[in-house]
Amino acid sequence: MGAGSLLLVLAACAQQPTNDVGFGGQPPVPPGPVQPKPEPERTPVAPEAIDLSALPQGYPKKIWTQDNGTAVVATGQEGGCSKVHAEVAEQTPDHVKILLVEETPEPPGICTMDLRYPPVAVSLSEPLDGRKVVLEQRDVKVPR
C-alpha cells in the first residue's frame, strides 16, 4: 500500500503545471514584439513632430503611437523576399530615432516583384510625449 500511495502522489505531482525554471519547468517567455493596434486605438503623430528627411523618396510616411505613447508604429516597405522590421536606434529627451530595417536574403532566390507596406512597431522606455520621431531606413543583406 505504501508503494501504491507513493506512486499516486508522484503521478498527481507530475500532472501539476509549473512555471518554475528547473526540472520539468519552462523558462519565462520574454514579451513578444509590439503589435499594431486597430485604427480607433491609434494616436497620429503630428507632422511637425516627425523628421522624414533620411527616408528614400517615395517611402511610406504614416506614423502613430499607441499604448499611451509607449509604442511608435510606422509603415515600413518590403518586397519580394525582403522583410522589414523596426528598431529603436536612440532615445533622448528631445527625440526618438527609429530604424526601418529591410532584410534581404543573400544570395537572392526566386522572389516576387511586389511591394508591401506592413506596419512595424517599437516599444519606448518612456512615452513619446513631445519628442520628435526621426525615421531612417537601412537595407541589410542576411544569409539565406
N, C-alpha and C. Protein backbone atom coordinates (compact mmCIF):
# COMPACT_ATOMS: atom_id res chain seq x y z
N MET A 1 0.82 -1.19 0.00
CA MET A 1 0.00 0.00 0.00
C MET A 1 0.87 1.25 0.00
N GLY A 2 1.98 1.24 0.70
CA GLY A 2 2.87 2.41 0.75
C GLY A 2 3.43 2.75 -0.61
N ALA A 3 3.83 1.74 -1.40
CA ALA A 3 4.37 1.99 -2.74
C ALA A 3 3.28 2.52 -3.65
N GLY A 4 2.06 2.03 -3.51
CA GLY A 4 0.94 2.50 -4.33
C GLY A 4 0.61 3.95 -4.03
N SER A 5 0.65 4.33 -2.73
CA SER A 5 0.37 5.71 -2.35
C SER A 5 1.45 6.65 -2.90
N LEU A 6 2.71 6.20 -2.81
CA LEU A 6 3.81 7.00 -3.33
C LEU A 6 3.66 7.19 -4.83
N LEU A 7 3.29 6.15 -5.55
CA LEU A 7 3.09 6.23 -6.99
C LEU A 7 1.95 7.18 -7.32
N LEU A 8 0.87 7.13 -6.54
CA LEU A 8 -0.27 8.01 -6.75
C LEU A 8 0.12 9.47 -6.53
N VAL A 9 0.89 9.76 -5.47
CA VAL A 9 1.34 11.13 -5.18
C VAL A 9 2.26 11.63 -6.28
N LEU A 10 3.20 10.80 -6.72
CA LEU A 10 4.11 11.20 -7.80
C LEU A 10 3.36 11.47 -9.09
N ALA A 11 2.37 10.64 -9.40
CA ALA A 11 1.59 10.85 -10.61
C ALA A 11 0.80 12.15 -10.53
N ALA A 12 0.25 12.46 -9.36
CA ALA A 12 -0.51 13.70 -9.18
C ALA A 12 0.41 14.90 -9.32
N CYS A 13 1.61 14.82 -8.78
CA CYS A 13 2.57 15.92 -8.89
C CYS A 13 3.00 16.12 -10.34
N ALA A 14 3.11 15.06 -11.08
CA ALA A 14 3.52 15.16 -12.49
C ALA A 14 2.46 15.88 -13.31
N GLN A 15 1.20 15.84 -12.87
CA GLN A 15 0.13 16.47 -13.61
C GLN A 15 0.00 17.97 -13.30
N GLN A 16 0.65 18.42 -12.25
CA GLN A 16 0.55 19.83 -11.85
C GLN A 16 1.36 20.70 -12.82
N PRO A 17 0.75 21.73 -13.42
CA PRO A 17 1.52 22.62 -14.28
C PRO A 17 2.47 23.45 -13.43
N THR A 18 3.63 23.72 -13.97
CA THR A 18 4.61 24.52 -13.23
C THR A 18 5.21 25.57 -14.14
N ASN A 19 5.42 26.73 -13.60
CA ASN A 19 6.07 27.81 -14.34
C ASN A 19 7.47 28.04 -13.83
N ASP A 20 7.88 27.24 -12.85
CA ASP A 20 9.21 27.42 -12.28
C ASP A 20 10.26 26.90 -13.25
N VAL A 21 11.39 27.58 -13.29
CA VAL A 21 12.52 27.08 -14.07
C VAL A 21 13.21 26.03 -13.22
N GLY A 22 13.61 24.98 -13.82
CA GLY A 22 14.23 23.88 -13.10
C GLY A 22 13.77 22.59 -13.72
N PHE A 23 13.87 21.52 -12.98
CA PHE A 23 13.49 20.22 -13.51
C PHE A 23 12.02 20.24 -13.93
N GLY A 24 11.78 20.06 -15.20
CA GLY A 24 10.42 19.99 -15.71
C GLY A 24 9.78 21.34 -15.96
N GLY A 25 10.41 22.44 -15.56
CA GLY A 25 9.83 23.76 -15.74
C GLY A 25 10.26 24.37 -17.06
N GLN A 26 9.58 25.40 -17.46
CA GLN A 26 9.90 26.12 -18.69
C GLN A 26 10.43 27.50 -18.33
N PRO A 27 11.44 27.98 -19.05
CA PRO A 27 11.93 29.33 -18.77
C PRO A 27 10.86 30.35 -19.13
N PRO A 28 10.88 31.51 -18.47
CA PRO A 28 9.88 32.52 -18.79
C PRO A 28 10.05 33.00 -20.23
N VAL A 29 8.94 33.28 -20.87
CA VAL A 29 8.96 33.75 -22.25
C VAL A 29 9.02 35.27 -22.24
N PRO A 30 10.01 35.86 -22.92
CA PRO A 30 10.07 37.32 -22.96
C PRO A 30 8.88 37.86 -23.76
N PRO A 31 8.47 39.09 -23.47
CA PRO A 31 7.35 39.64 -24.22
C PRO A 31 7.70 39.73 -25.70
N GLY A 32 6.73 39.47 -26.54
CA GLY A 32 6.96 39.50 -27.97
C GLY A 32 7.00 40.92 -28.51
N PRO A 33 7.16 41.03 -29.81
CA PRO A 33 7.21 42.37 -30.41
C PRO A 33 5.88 43.08 -30.25
N VAL A 34 5.92 44.39 -30.32
CA VAL A 34 4.71 45.20 -30.22
C VAL A 34 3.89 44.98 -31.48
N GLN A 35 2.61 44.75 -31.31
CA GLN A 35 1.71 44.54 -32.44
C GLN A 35 0.90 45.81 -32.69
N PRO A 36 0.79 46.24 -33.95
CA PRO A 36 -0.03 47.42 -34.25
C PRO A 36 -1.48 47.20 -33.85
N LYS A 37 -2.09 48.24 -33.32
CA LYS A 37 -3.48 48.19 -32.85
C LYS A 37 -4.43 48.65 -33.97
N PRO A 38 -5.71 48.35 -33.84
CA PRO A 38 -6.70 48.83 -34.82
C PRO A 38 -6.77 50.36 -34.82
N GLU A 39 -7.27 50.92 -35.92
CA GLU A 39 -7.34 52.38 -36.11
C GLU A 39 -7.88 53.16 -34.90
N PRO A 40 -8.98 52.72 -34.27
CA PRO A 40 -9.52 53.51 -33.15
C PRO A 40 -8.58 53.61 -31.95
N GLU A 41 -7.59 52.71 -31.84
CA GLU A 41 -6.68 52.73 -30.70
C GLU A 41 -5.35 53.41 -31.03
N ARG A 42 -5.29 54.10 -32.17
CA ARG A 42 -4.07 54.77 -32.61
C ARG A 42 -4.16 56.28 -32.38
N THR A 43 -3.01 56.87 -32.11
CA THR A 43 -2.92 58.32 -31.99
C THR A 43 -1.92 58.82 -33.03
N PRO A 44 -2.38 59.56 -34.04
CA PRO A 44 -1.45 60.04 -35.06
C PRO A 44 -0.38 60.95 -34.45
N VAL A 45 0.82 60.90 -35.01
CA VAL A 45 1.89 61.80 -34.59
C VAL A 45 1.80 63.03 -35.48
N ALA A 46 1.85 64.22 -34.87
CA ALA A 46 1.75 65.47 -35.62
C ALA A 46 2.88 65.56 -36.65
N PRO A 47 2.58 66.00 -37.87
CA PRO A 47 3.61 66.09 -38.92
C PRO A 47 4.85 66.89 -38.51
N GLU A 48 4.66 67.93 -37.71
CA GLU A 48 5.81 68.74 -37.28
C GLU A 48 6.69 68.02 -36.26
N ALA A 49 6.21 66.90 -35.72
CA ALA A 49 6.98 66.13 -34.75
C ALA A 49 7.68 64.93 -35.40
N ILE A 50 7.75 64.94 -36.74
CA ILE A 50 8.35 63.82 -37.46
C ILE A 50 9.44 64.34 -38.39
N ASP A 51 10.61 63.71 -38.37
CA ASP A 51 11.69 64.03 -39.31
C ASP A 51 11.83 62.85 -40.26
N LEU A 52 11.44 63.05 -41.51
CA LEU A 52 11.48 62.01 -42.53
C LEU A 52 12.59 62.26 -43.55
N SER A 53 13.47 63.22 -43.28
CA SER A 53 14.47 63.63 -44.26
C SER A 53 15.45 62.53 -44.66
N ALA A 54 15.65 61.52 -43.81
CA ALA A 54 16.59 60.44 -44.13
C ALA A 54 15.94 59.27 -44.87
N LEU A 55 14.62 59.34 -45.08
CA LEU A 55 13.94 58.25 -45.81
C LEU A 55 14.09 58.46 -47.31
N PRO A 56 14.19 57.36 -48.06
CA PRO A 56 14.23 57.49 -49.52
C PRO A 56 12.94 58.12 -50.05
N GLN A 57 13.03 58.77 -51.19
CA GLN A 57 11.86 59.38 -51.80
C GLN A 57 10.83 58.30 -52.11
N GLY A 58 9.58 58.56 -51.81
CA GLY A 58 8.51 57.62 -52.07
C GLY A 58 8.26 56.62 -50.95
N TYR A 59 9.07 56.66 -49.89
CA TYR A 59 8.89 55.73 -48.77
C TYR A 59 7.62 56.13 -48.02
N PRO A 60 6.83 55.16 -47.51
CA PRO A 60 5.61 55.49 -46.77
C PRO A 60 5.90 56.39 -45.56
N LYS A 61 4.94 57.24 -45.23
CA LYS A 61 5.17 58.23 -44.17
C LYS A 61 4.09 58.23 -43.09
N LYS A 62 3.38 57.13 -42.92
CA LYS A 62 2.32 57.05 -41.91
C LYS A 62 2.92 56.59 -40.59
N ILE A 63 2.73 57.39 -39.53
CA ILE A 63 3.29 57.10 -38.21
C ILE A 63 2.24 57.40 -37.15
N TRP A 64 2.19 56.55 -36.10
CA TRP A 64 1.28 56.80 -34.99
C TRP A 64 1.86 56.21 -33.71
N THR A 65 1.21 56.57 -32.60
CA THR A 65 1.58 55.97 -31.32
C THR A 65 0.39 55.16 -30.83
N GLN A 66 0.68 54.30 -29.88
CA GLN A 66 -0.37 53.51 -29.21
C GLN A 66 0.13 53.18 -27.81
N ASP A 67 -0.71 52.53 -27.05
CA ASP A 67 -0.35 52.14 -25.68
C ASP A 67 0.10 53.35 -24.86
N ASN A 68 -0.70 54.42 -24.90
CA ASN A 68 -0.41 55.65 -24.16
C ASN A 68 0.94 56.27 -24.53
N GLY A 69 1.30 56.16 -25.80
CA GLY A 69 2.53 56.78 -26.29
C GLY A 69 3.79 55.99 -26.04
N THR A 70 3.68 54.78 -25.49
CA THR A 70 4.89 53.99 -25.21
C THR A 70 5.29 53.11 -26.39
N ALA A 71 4.51 53.13 -27.46
CA ALA A 71 4.86 52.40 -28.68
C ALA A 71 4.69 53.34 -29.87
N VAL A 72 5.66 53.29 -30.79
CA VAL A 72 5.57 54.06 -32.03
C VAL A 72 5.48 53.04 -33.16
N VAL A 73 4.54 53.29 -34.07
CA VAL A 73 4.34 52.40 -35.21
C VAL A 73 4.50 53.22 -36.48
N ALA A 74 5.28 52.70 -37.42
CA ALA A 74 5.48 53.35 -38.71
C ALA A 74 5.15 52.34 -39.80
N THR A 75 4.84 52.84 -40.97
CA THR A 75 4.61 51.97 -42.10
C THR A 75 5.95 51.69 -42.76
N GLY A 76 6.28 50.42 -42.85
CA GLY A 76 7.53 50.02 -43.50
C GLY A 76 7.29 49.68 -44.96
N GLN A 77 8.37 49.32 -45.63
CA GLN A 77 8.27 48.91 -47.03
C GLN A 77 9.14 47.68 -47.24
N GLU A 78 8.55 46.65 -47.83
CA GLU A 78 9.28 45.43 -48.15
C GLU A 78 8.77 44.90 -49.47
N GLY A 79 9.51 44.00 -50.06
CA GLY A 79 9.07 43.45 -51.33
C GLY A 79 9.79 42.17 -51.66
N GLY A 80 9.18 41.38 -52.54
CA GLY A 80 9.81 40.15 -52.95
C GLY A 80 10.14 39.27 -51.77
N CYS A 81 11.41 38.97 -51.59
CA CYS A 81 11.87 38.11 -50.49
C CYS A 81 12.25 38.91 -49.25
N SER A 82 12.23 40.23 -49.31
CA SER A 82 12.69 41.02 -48.17
C SER A 82 11.60 41.15 -47.11
N LYS A 83 12.05 41.40 -45.88
CA LYS A 83 11.16 41.63 -44.74
C LYS A 83 11.63 42.87 -44.02
N VAL A 84 10.71 43.67 -43.51
CA VAL A 84 11.06 44.89 -42.80
C VAL A 84 10.71 44.75 -41.33
N HIS A 85 11.53 45.35 -40.48
CA HIS A 85 11.22 45.47 -39.05
C HIS A 85 11.76 46.81 -38.57
N ALA A 86 11.34 47.22 -37.39
CA ALA A 86 11.77 48.50 -36.83
C ALA A 86 12.62 48.26 -35.59
N GLU A 87 13.59 49.15 -35.38
CA GLU A 87 14.46 49.11 -34.20
C GLU A 87 14.61 50.52 -33.65
N VAL A 88 14.64 50.63 -32.33
CA VAL A 88 14.93 51.92 -31.71
C VAL A 88 16.45 52.09 -31.73
N ALA A 89 16.91 53.13 -32.41
CA ALA A 89 18.34 53.38 -32.51
C ALA A 89 18.81 54.32 -31.40
N GLU A 90 17.92 55.21 -30.95
CA GLU A 90 18.33 56.21 -29.96
C GLU A 90 17.08 56.82 -29.31
N GLN A 91 17.17 57.05 -28.01
CA GLN A 91 16.11 57.75 -27.28
C GLN A 91 16.77 58.83 -26.44
N THR A 92 16.41 60.07 -26.67
CA THR A 92 16.94 61.19 -25.89
C THR A 92 15.74 61.99 -25.37
N PRO A 93 15.97 62.98 -24.52
CA PRO A 93 14.85 63.80 -24.04
C PRO A 93 14.13 64.57 -25.14
N ASP A 94 14.79 64.81 -26.29
CA ASP A 94 14.13 65.59 -27.35
C ASP A 94 13.75 64.80 -28.59
N HIS A 95 14.28 63.58 -28.78
CA HIS A 95 13.89 62.80 -29.96
C HIS A 95 14.04 61.29 -29.75
N VAL A 96 13.39 60.56 -30.65
CA VAL A 96 13.50 59.10 -30.72
C VAL A 96 13.86 58.77 -32.16
N LYS A 97 14.99 58.07 -32.36
CA LYS A 97 15.40 57.67 -33.70
C LYS A 97 15.02 56.21 -33.91
N ILE A 98 14.29 55.97 -35.00
CA ILE A 98 13.83 54.62 -35.33
C ILE A 98 14.38 54.23 -36.68
N LEU A 99 14.98 53.04 -36.74
CA LEU A 99 15.49 52.49 -38.00
C LEU A 99 14.46 51.54 -38.57
N LEU A 100 14.14 51.71 -39.84
CA LEU A 100 13.30 50.78 -40.56
C LEU A 100 14.26 49.92 -41.37
N VAL A 101 14.44 48.68 -40.92
CA VAL A 101 15.46 47.78 -41.48
C VAL A 101 14.80 46.79 -42.43
N GLU A 102 15.22 46.83 -43.70
CA GLU A 102 14.72 45.88 -44.69
C GLU A 102 15.79 44.81 -44.89
N GLU A 103 15.48 43.58 -44.50
CA GLU A 103 16.41 42.46 -44.61
C GLU A 103 16.13 41.69 -45.90
N THR A 104 17.17 41.56 -46.72
CA THR A 104 17.07 40.84 -47.99
C THR A 104 18.01 39.65 -47.95
N PRO A 105 17.51 38.45 -48.30
CA PRO A 105 18.37 37.26 -48.28
C PRO A 105 19.50 37.37 -49.31
N GLU A 106 20.65 36.85 -48.94
CA GLU A 106 21.82 36.82 -49.82
C GLU A 106 22.39 35.41 -49.79
N PRO A 107 22.54 34.68 -50.84
CA PRO A 107 22.26 35.10 -52.21
C PRO A 107 20.74 35.14 -52.45
N PRO A 108 20.33 36.00 -53.37
CA PRO A 108 18.90 36.12 -53.63
C PRO A 108 18.37 34.85 -54.30
N GLY A 109 17.15 34.57 -54.03
CA GLY A 109 16.49 33.42 -54.66
C GLY A 109 15.46 33.92 -55.64
N ILE A 110 14.51 33.08 -55.94
CA ILE A 110 13.41 33.49 -56.81
C ILE A 110 12.39 34.22 -55.94
N CYS A 111 12.14 35.47 -56.27
CA CYS A 111 11.25 36.31 -55.46
C CYS A 111 10.20 36.97 -56.33
N THR A 112 9.08 37.30 -55.74
CA THR A 112 8.04 38.05 -56.44
C THR A 112 8.48 39.50 -56.58
N MET A 113 7.84 40.22 -57.44
CA MET A 113 8.19 41.62 -57.68
C MET A 113 7.12 42.54 -57.10
N ASP A 114 6.66 42.27 -55.91
CA ASP A 114 5.62 43.08 -55.30
C ASP A 114 6.20 43.94 -54.19
N LEU A 115 5.49 44.99 -53.84
CA LEU A 115 5.83 45.82 -52.69
C LEU A 115 4.73 45.67 -51.66
N ARG A 116 5.13 45.60 -50.40
CA ARG A 116 4.19 45.51 -49.29
C ARG A 116 4.52 46.63 -48.30
N TYR A 117 3.52 47.09 -47.58
CA TYR A 117 3.69 48.20 -46.65
C TYR A 117 3.15 47.81 -45.27
N PRO A 118 3.85 46.93 -44.56
CA PRO A 118 3.36 46.49 -43.26
C PRO A 118 3.67 47.53 -42.16
N PRO A 119 2.79 47.62 -41.17
CA PRO A 119 3.13 48.46 -40.02
C PRO A 119 4.16 47.74 -39.16
N VAL A 120 5.16 48.48 -38.70
CA VAL A 120 6.19 47.92 -37.82
C VAL A 120 6.27 48.80 -36.57
N ALA A 121 6.44 48.18 -35.42
CA ALA A 121 6.32 48.90 -34.16
C ALA A 121 7.55 48.71 -33.29
N VAL A 122 7.80 49.72 -32.46
CA VAL A 122 8.85 49.65 -31.44
C VAL A 122 8.26 50.08 -30.12
N SER A 123 8.84 49.57 -29.05
CA SER A 123 8.43 49.93 -27.70
C SER A 123 9.44 50.94 -27.15
N LEU A 124 8.97 51.99 -26.54
CA LEU A 124 9.83 53.03 -25.98
C LEU A 124 9.98 52.84 -24.47
N SER A 125 11.08 53.32 -23.92
CA SER A 125 11.30 53.23 -22.48
C SER A 125 10.39 54.20 -21.72
N GLU A 126 9.98 55.28 -22.37
CA GLU A 126 9.06 56.27 -21.80
C GLU A 126 8.10 56.70 -22.90
N PRO A 127 6.94 57.25 -22.56
CA PRO A 127 6.03 57.73 -23.61
C PRO A 127 6.70 58.78 -24.50
N LEU A 128 6.25 58.85 -25.74
CA LEU A 128 6.82 59.78 -26.71
C LEU A 128 6.64 61.23 -26.27
N ASP A 129 5.48 61.57 -25.75
CA ASP A 129 5.15 62.93 -25.33
C ASP A 129 5.52 63.92 -26.42
N GLY A 130 6.34 64.94 -26.13
CA GLY A 130 6.66 65.97 -27.10
C GLY A 130 7.91 65.70 -27.91
N ARG A 131 8.48 64.51 -27.79
CA ARG A 131 9.71 64.23 -28.52
C ARG A 131 9.46 64.07 -30.02
N LYS A 132 10.47 64.40 -30.80
CA LYS A 132 10.41 64.25 -32.25
C LYS A 132 10.74 62.81 -32.63
N VAL A 133 10.06 62.30 -33.66
CA VAL A 133 10.35 60.98 -34.19
C VAL A 133 11.23 61.17 -35.43
N VAL A 134 12.41 60.56 -35.43
CA VAL A 134 13.33 60.62 -36.55
C VAL A 134 13.37 59.22 -37.18
N LEU A 135 12.96 59.13 -38.45
CA LEU A 135 12.95 57.84 -39.13
C LEU A 135 14.11 57.75 -40.11
N GLU A 136 14.76 56.59 -40.10
CA GLU A 136 15.81 56.28 -41.08
C GLU A 136 15.54 54.90 -41.62
N GLN A 137 15.99 54.65 -42.85
CA GLN A 137 15.81 53.35 -43.48
C GLN A 137 17.17 52.76 -43.80
N ARG A 138 17.27 51.45 -43.63
CA ARG A 138 18.54 50.76 -43.89
C ARG A 138 18.24 49.43 -44.57
N ASP A 139 19.02 49.10 -45.60
CA ASP A 139 18.94 47.80 -46.27
C ASP A 139 20.05 46.93 -45.70
N VAL A 140 19.72 45.68 -45.35
CA VAL A 140 20.69 44.75 -44.79
C VAL A 140 20.57 43.43 -45.54
N LYS A 141 21.71 42.85 -45.91
CA LYS A 141 21.74 41.52 -46.50
C LYS A 141 21.88 40.49 -45.39
N VAL A 142 21.07 39.44 -45.45
CA VAL A 142 21.13 38.38 -44.43
C VAL A 142 21.35 37.05 -45.15
N PRO A 143 22.09 36.13 -44.52
CA PRO A 143 22.32 34.83 -45.16
C PRO A 143 21.01 34.08 -45.36
N ARG A 144 20.93 33.40 -46.46
CA ARG A 144 19.72 32.63 -46.78
C ARG A 144 19.65 31.41 -45.93
